[in-house]
């Protein structure tokens, strides 16, 4: 696989940001997230945290990172600006259940755009694995580079372009998020 210097620098900076011990952190449902993440040299601030529940089970805590606070989901999706979303899993989940949940989310929130990004969506499903309790996955978007998928401190894939980022982030910020409470938390409401 060939990486440009810019992609390498982004990946290295992102890995350093994940490895850094946060000076300040926020906690929700036993999951802790730093107040800031550095992505491609930009400091992103924790916009909000939300809890994803399915029935009575706590599934994961999500944290949305932006350059400046924003409570408008449509504006966040449309902006060609750095952003990151971290999922801290509170329980172990099998790959197929995650893939099914992502498929539902794409269909409910960005069906046409996801269809136009079919190759990237399929590649994305290929990056999904079983997750263990305590596992963390971060999706970070950088204009001009794309979206980096990082699992437990290791970059596993990069998807070029803003269009895929918009499709991916619509899972949580679209009109039909996994739960309204999760989306409200991510938006800092």
Protein backbone atom coordinates (compact mmCIF):
# COMPACT_ATOMS: atom_id res chain seq x y z
CA UNK A 1 0.00 0.00 0.00
CA UNK A 2 1.41 3.41 -0.97
CA UNK A 3 0.92 6.40 1.33
CA UNK A 4 1.75 9.99 0.48
CA UNK A 5 3.84 12.01 2.92
CA UNK A 6 0.73 13.96 3.86
CA UNK A 7 -1.22 10.77 4.64
CA UNK A 8 1.72 9.43 6.62
CA UNK A 9 1.98 12.69 8.59
CA UNK A 10 -1.75 12.62 9.30
CA UNK A 11 -1.59 9.00 10.42
CA UNK A 12 1.44 9.66 12.63
CA UNK A 13 -0.13 12.76 14.20
CA UNK A 14 -3.37 10.89 14.82
CA UNK A 15 -1.56 7.97 16.44
CA UNK A 16 0.32 10.37 18.70
CA UNK A 17 -2.94 12.06 19.66
CA UNK A 18 -4.47 8.74 20.65
CA UNK A 19 -1.38 7.70 22.60
CA UNK A 20 -1.18 10.98 24.54
CA UNK A 21 -2.52 10.97 28.07
CA UNK A 22 -5.24 13.60 28.29
CA UNK A 23 -4.82 16.38 30.84
CA UNK A 24 -8.57 16.66 31.24
CA UNK A 25 -11.23 14.10 30.39
CA UNK A 26 -14.98 13.62 30.50
CA UNK A 27 -16.74 10.47 31.70
CA UNK A 28 -20.06 8.88 30.78
CA UNK A 29 -21.30 5.40 31.75
CA UNK A 30 -17.78 4.44 32.85
CA UNK A 31 -16.14 5.51 29.57
CA UNK A 32 -13.61 8.35 29.65
CA UNK A 33 -12.73 10.55 26.68
CA UNK A 34 -10.19 13.36 26.43
CA UNK A 35 -11.39 16.95 26.08
CA UNK A 36 -9.30 17.32 22.92
CA UNK A 37 -7.86 15.27 20.07
CA UNK A 38 -5.19 16.44 17.65
CA UNK A 39 -5.96 15.47 14.07
CA UNK A 40 -3.59 16.55 11.28
CA UNK A 41 -2.19 19.32 13.47
CA UNK A 42 -5.62 20.68 14.37
CA UNK A 43 -6.90 20.54 17.92
CA UNK A 44 -10.45 19.25 18.00
CA UNK A 45 -12.56 19.78 21.10
CA UNK A 46 -15.04 17.32 22.56
CA UNK A 47 -18.36 18.65 21.29
CA UNK A 48 -20.37 16.13 23.30
CA UNK A 49 -20.75 12.55 24.46
CA UNK A 50 -23.72 10.24 24.14
CA UNK A 51 -24.67 6.75 25.22
CA UNK A 52 -25.89 4.16 22.70
CA UNK A 53 -28.30 1.74 24.31
CA UNK A 54 -30.10 -1.16 22.67
CA UNK A 55 -33.04 -2.32 24.76
CA UNK A 56 -31.61 -2.34 28.31
CA UNK A 57 -27.99 -2.87 27.23
CA UNK A 58 -25.37 -0.13 27.17
CA UNK A 59 -23.52 -0.66 23.87
CA UNK A 60 -21.03 2.20 23.53
CA UNK A 61 -20.30 5.79 24.44
CA UNK A 62 -19.70 8.06 21.48
CA UNK A 63 -17.70 11.27 21.54
CA UNK A 64 -17.81 13.87 18.76
CA UNK A 65 -14.79 16.15 18.25
CA UNK A 66 -14.93 19.41 16.28
CA UNK A 67 -12.80 22.55 15.95
CA UNK A 68 -15.57 24.69 17.45
CA UNK A 69 -18.74 23.73 19.34
CA UNK A 70 -21.71 23.07 17.08
CA UNK A 71 -25.17 21.71 17.87
CA UNK A 72 -26.40 21.64 14.25
CA UNK A 73 -26.06 18.12 12.83
CA UNK A 74 -26.73 19.16 9.22
CA UNK A 75 -24.08 21.90 9.41
CA UNK A 76 -21.52 19.48 10.88
CA UNK A 77 -22.17 16.97 8.09
CA UNK A 78 -21.98 19.62 5.37
CA UNK A 79 -18.82 21.33 6.66
CA UNK A 80 -15.57 20.42 4.94
CA UNK A 81 -13.77 20.68 8.27
CA UNK A 82 -11.84 18.27 10.51
CA UNK A 83 -14.00 16.11 12.76
CA UNK A 84 -13.69 12.87 14.66
CA UNK A 85 -16.04 10.43 16.33
CA UNK A 86 -14.84 7.96 18.94
CA UNK A 87 -16.80 4.88 20.00
CA UNK A 88 -15.83 3.38 23.38
CA UNK A 89 -17.50 -0.03 23.50
CA UNK A 90 -19.09 -1.03 26.80
CA UNK A 91 -19.71 -4.61 25.70
CA UNK A 92 -18.32 -7.13 23.23
CA UNK A 93 -20.12 -7.26 19.87
CA UNK A 94 -19.75 -9.63 16.95
CA UNK A 95 -18.70 -8.25 13.56
CA UNK A 96 -21.92 -9.24 11.80
CA UNK A 97 -24.09 -7.40 14.33
CA UNK A 98 -22.01 -4.26 13.80
CA UNK A 99 -22.16 -4.58 10.01
CA UNK A 100 -25.94 -5.04 10.19
CA UNK A 101 -26.27 -1.94 12.39
CA UNK A 102 -24.11 0.11 10.00
CA UNK A 103 -26.17 -1.11 7.01
CA UNK A 104 -29.39 -0.05 8.77
CA UNK A 105 -27.86 3.32 9.56
CA UNK A 106 -26.70 3.96 6.00
CA UNK A 107 -30.13 2.98 4.64
CA UNK A 108 -31.99 5.18 7.16
CA UNK A 109 -29.74 8.23 6.93
CA UNK A 110 -27.97 8.39 3.58
CA UNK A 111 -29.31 5.71 1.24
CA UNK A 112 -28.62 7.55 -2.04
CA UNK A 113 -25.25 8.91 -0.96
CA UNK A 114 -24.23 5.49 0.39
CA UNK A 115 -25.23 3.89 -2.92
CA UNK A 116 -23.02 6.42 -4.74
CA UNK A 117 -20.17 5.43 -2.38
CA UNK A 118 -20.82 1.68 -2.77
CA UNK A 119 -17.14 0.72 -3.20
CA UNK A 120 -16.11 2.68 -0.10
CA UNK A 121 -19.05 1.36 1.91
CA UNK A 122 -18.10 -2.23 1.04
CA UNK A 123 -14.45 -1.49 1.89
CA UNK A 124 -15.67 0.01 5.18
CA UNK A 125 -17.60 -3.18 6.04
CA UNK A 126 -14.36 -5.07 5.41
CA UNK A 127 -12.67 -3.06 8.17
CA UNK A 128 -15.27 -4.04 10.78
CA UNK A 129 -14.21 -6.73 13.25
CA UNK A 130 -15.55 -8.25 16.44
CA UNK A 131 -15.05 -5.76 19.26
CA UNK A 132 -14.33 -6.49 22.88
CA UNK A 133 -15.57 -4.57 25.88
CA UNK A 134 -13.27 -1.56 26.31
CA UNK A 135 -12.30 -1.42 22.62
CA UNK A 136 -12.19 2.00 20.98
CA UNK A 137 -12.77 2.92 17.35
CA UNK A 138 -12.21 6.45 16.05
CA UNK A 139 -13.25 7.84 12.68
CA UNK A 140 -11.42 11.07 11.85
CA UNK A 141 -11.98 13.21 8.78
CA UNK A 142 -9.40 15.67 7.44
CA UNK A 143 -10.19 17.83 4.38
CA UNK A 144 -8.00 16.93 1.43
CA UNK A 145 -7.02 13.58 2.94
CA UNK A 146 -10.19 11.72 3.88
CA UNK A 147 -11.41 9.56 6.73
CA UNK A 148 -9.07 7.43 8.82
CA UNK A 149 -10.44 4.45 10.74
CA UNK A 150 -8.44 3.79 13.89
CA UNK A 151 -9.11 0.81 16.12
CA UNK A 152 -7.45 0.60 19.53
CA UNK A 153 -4.63 2.93 18.49
CA UNK A 154 -3.93 1.40 15.06
CA UNK A 155 -5.00 2.88 11.73
CA UNK A 156 -6.81 0.21 9.72
CA UNK A 157 -8.03 2.11 6.64
CA UNK A 158 -8.23 5.48 4.93
CA UNK A 159 -11.12 6.57 2.70
CA UNK A 160 -10.46 9.51 0.38
CA UNK A 161 -12.84 12.40 -0.09
CA UNK A 162 -15.49 14.30 1.80
CA UNK A 163 -18.42 12.35 0.32
CA UNK A 164 -17.61 9.17 2.21
CA UNK A 165 -17.08 11.13 5.44
CA UNK A 166 -20.52 12.66 5.07
CA UNK A 167 -22.08 9.22 4.57
CA UNK A 168 -20.21 7.76 7.55
CA UNK A 169 -20.89 10.61 10.00
CA UNK A 170 -24.57 10.56 8.95
CA UNK A 171 -24.83 7.29 10.92
CA UNK A 172 -24.81 9.38 14.10
CA UNK A 173 -25.78 12.84 12.84
CA UNK A 174 -28.41 11.98 10.23
CA UNK A 175 -32.20 12.22 10.66
CA UNK A 176 -32.47 8.69 12.12
CA UNK A 177 -29.53 8.13 14.49
CA UNK A 178 -29.17 4.90 16.50
CA UNK A 179 -30.91 6.79 19.32
CA UNK A 180 -31.99 10.39 19.82
CA UNK A 181 -30.25 10.48 23.21
CA UNK A 182 -26.96 9.48 21.58
CA UNK A 183 -27.27 12.19 18.95
CA UNK A 184 -28.31 14.84 21.49
CA UNK A 185 -25.28 13.98 23.59
CA UNK A 186 -22.90 14.17 20.62
CA UNK A 187 -24.34 17.57 19.74
CA UNK A 188 -23.79 18.79 23.30
CA UNK A 189 -27.49 19.30 23.99
